[in-house]
Protein backbone atom coordinates (compact mmCIF):
# COMPACT_ATOMS: atom_id res chain seq x y z
CA UNK A 1 0.00 0.00 0.00
CA UNK A 2 1.28 3.45 -0.91
CA UNK A 3 0.17 6.59 0.82
CA UNK A 4 1.22 10.09 -0.21
CA UNK A 5 0.72 13.05 2.07
CA UNK A 6 1.61 16.58 0.98
CA UNK A 7 1.90 19.37 3.51
CA UNK A 8 3.02 22.96 3.06
CA UNK A 9 4.55 24.33 6.24
CA UNK A 10 6.15 27.67 6.92
CA UNK A 11 7.26 26.76 10.44
CA UNK A 12 9.99 24.14 10.30
CA UNK A 13 9.52 23.18 13.96
CA UNK A 14 6.12 21.65 13.11
CA UNK A 15 7.64 18.96 10.88
CA UNK A 16 8.72 16.70 13.75
CA UNK A 17 5.36 16.47 15.53
CA UNK A 18 3.43 16.02 12.28
CA UNK A 19 5.66 13.25 10.95
CA UNK A 20 5.53 11.56 14.35
CA UNK A 21 1.71 11.61 14.20
CA UNK A 22 1.80 10.11 10.70
CA UNK A 23 4.19 7.41 11.90
CA UNK A 24 1.96 6.65 14.88
CA UNK A 25 -1.05 6.39 12.58
CA UNK A 26 0.77 3.62 10.64
CA UNK A 27 -0.43 4.95 7.29
CA UNK A 28 2.57 3.34 5.60
CA UNK A 29 5.60 1.24 6.43
CA UNK A 30 8.13 3.95 5.56
CA UNK A 31 8.20 7.70 5.33
CA UNK A 32 10.34 10.29 3.60
CA UNK A 33 10.25 14.05 3.62
CA UNK A 34 10.94 16.24 0.61
CA UNK A 35 11.40 19.94 1.04
CA UNK A 36 11.96 22.91 -1.20
CA UNK A 37 12.17 26.64 -1.02
CA UNK A 38 8.92 28.56 -1.02
CA UNK A 39 10.39 31.04 -3.51
CA UNK A 40 12.28 28.54 -5.69
CA UNK A 41 11.72 30.48 -8.92
CA UNK A 42 13.25 33.61 -7.37
CA UNK A 43 16.26 31.58 -6.24
CA UNK A 44 16.63 30.07 -9.73
CA UNK A 45 16.50 33.53 -11.33
CA UNK A 46 19.22 34.81 -9.01
CA UNK A 47 21.39 31.76 -9.75
CA UNK A 48 20.97 32.35 -13.51
CA UNK A 49 21.87 36.04 -13.14
CA UNK A 50 24.98 35.13 -11.15
CA UNK A 51 26.00 32.45 -13.65
CA UNK A 52 25.49 34.85 -16.57
CA UNK A 53 27.61 37.54 -14.88
CA UNK A 54 30.34 34.93 -14.45
CA UNK A 55 30.04 33.87 -18.11
CA UNK A 56 30.22 37.51 -19.22
CA UNK A 57 33.27 38.16 -17.04
CA UNK A 58 34.99 35.10 -18.55
CA UNK A 59 34.12 36.29 -22.07
CA UNK A 60 35.52 39.75 -21.25
CA UNK A 61 38.77 38.16 -20.02
CA UNK A 62 39.14 36.07 -23.18
CA UNK A 63 38.35 39.06 -25.40
CA UNK A 64 40.94 41.22 -23.58
CA UNK A 65 43.56 38.50 -23.98
CA UNK A 66 42.83 38.50 -27.72
CA UNK A 67 42.91 42.31 -27.91
CA UNK A 68 39.21 42.47 -28.73
CA UNK A 69 35.96 43.49 -27.04
CA UNK A 70 32.80 41.54 -26.31
CA UNK A 71 29.93 42.66 -28.51
CA UNK A 72 26.45 41.17 -28.17
CA UNK A 73 25.09 37.94 -26.85
CA UNK A 74 24.54 35.58 -29.77
CA UNK A 75 23.24 32.48 -27.95
CA UNK A 76 22.61 31.28 -24.41
CA UNK A 77 21.36 28.10 -22.79
CA UNK A 78 20.48 27.76 -19.12
CA UNK A 79 20.14 24.80 -16.76
CA UNK A 80 19.17 25.16 -13.12
CA UNK A 81 19.47 22.58 -10.38
CA UNK A 82 18.33 22.38 -6.78
CA UNK A 83 19.39 19.73 -4.32
CA UNK A 84 15.98 18.58 -3.17
CA UNK A 85 17.22 15.62 -1.20
CA UNK A 86 14.60 13.41 0.42
CA UNK A 87 15.12 12.82 4.10
CA UNK A 88 14.42 9.14 4.78
CA UNK A 89 12.58 8.39 7.93
CA UNK A 90 12.87 5.18 9.89
CA UNK A 91 11.15 2.24 8.21
CA UNK A 92 8.34 1.03 10.39
CA UNK A 93 7.11 -2.52 10.29
CA UNK A 94 4.77 -4.41 12.57
CA UNK A 95 7.75 -6.08 14.27
CA UNK A 96 9.39 -2.73 14.98
CA UNK A 97 6.28 -1.38 16.64
CA UNK A 98 6.76 -3.83 19.49
CA UNK A 99 10.32 -2.61 20.09
CA UNK A 100 11.16 0.70 21.74
CA UNK A 101 12.50 2.34 18.58
CA UNK A 102 13.58 5.98 18.58
CA UNK A 103 11.12 8.49 17.19
CA UNK A 104 11.46 8.82 13.39
CA UNK A 105 12.05 12.55 13.71
CA UNK A 106 14.92 12.46 16.20
CA UNK A 107 17.60 12.73 13.51
CA UNK A 108 15.74 15.19 11.29
CA UNK A 109 17.31 18.65 11.13
CA UNK A 110 16.97 21.63 8.78
CA UNK A 111 19.02 21.34 5.61
CA UNK A 112 20.22 23.95 3.16
CA UNK A 113 18.68 23.95 -0.31
CA UNK A 114 21.31 24.96 -2.86
CA UNK A 115 20.16 26.31 -6.19
CA UNK A 116 22.74 26.45 -8.94
CA UNK A 117 22.65 27.49 -12.57
CA UNK A 118 24.83 26.63 -15.53
CA UNK A 119 24.86 29.17 -18.36
CA UNK A 120 26.46 28.55 -21.76
CA UNK A 121 26.79 31.90 -23.49
CA UNK A 122 28.12 32.70 -26.94
CA UNK A 123 29.15 36.31 -27.50
CA UNK A 124 30.30 37.95 -30.69
CA UNK A 125 33.56 39.89 -30.62
CA UNK A 126 34.37 43.22 -32.16
């Protein structure tokens, strides 16, 4: 049996008690938590802007070394990535319920979500 529960929380401290309640309800044999930034698109845009500035600075350095100047952007491709790592919770089986197992949220702590962008830019030179 598979059960999916989606919750949107703004207060991180509520995650522990809620996941504990789900574990106690035995709605599934295992649990995992996925998290993301509320403003993920804003973070992606900033990562793209930073990556483009880096690409432009590299193009300027190459152009200077060649005794030329960067003209206009001819082509660009963008990829963004975020490390949305699931946090596995303790697997719960009927046999484990009889044992005094630690709470599934004891090892859960806030994690950093890194958003990165890779920009390939082609500039013309003058």
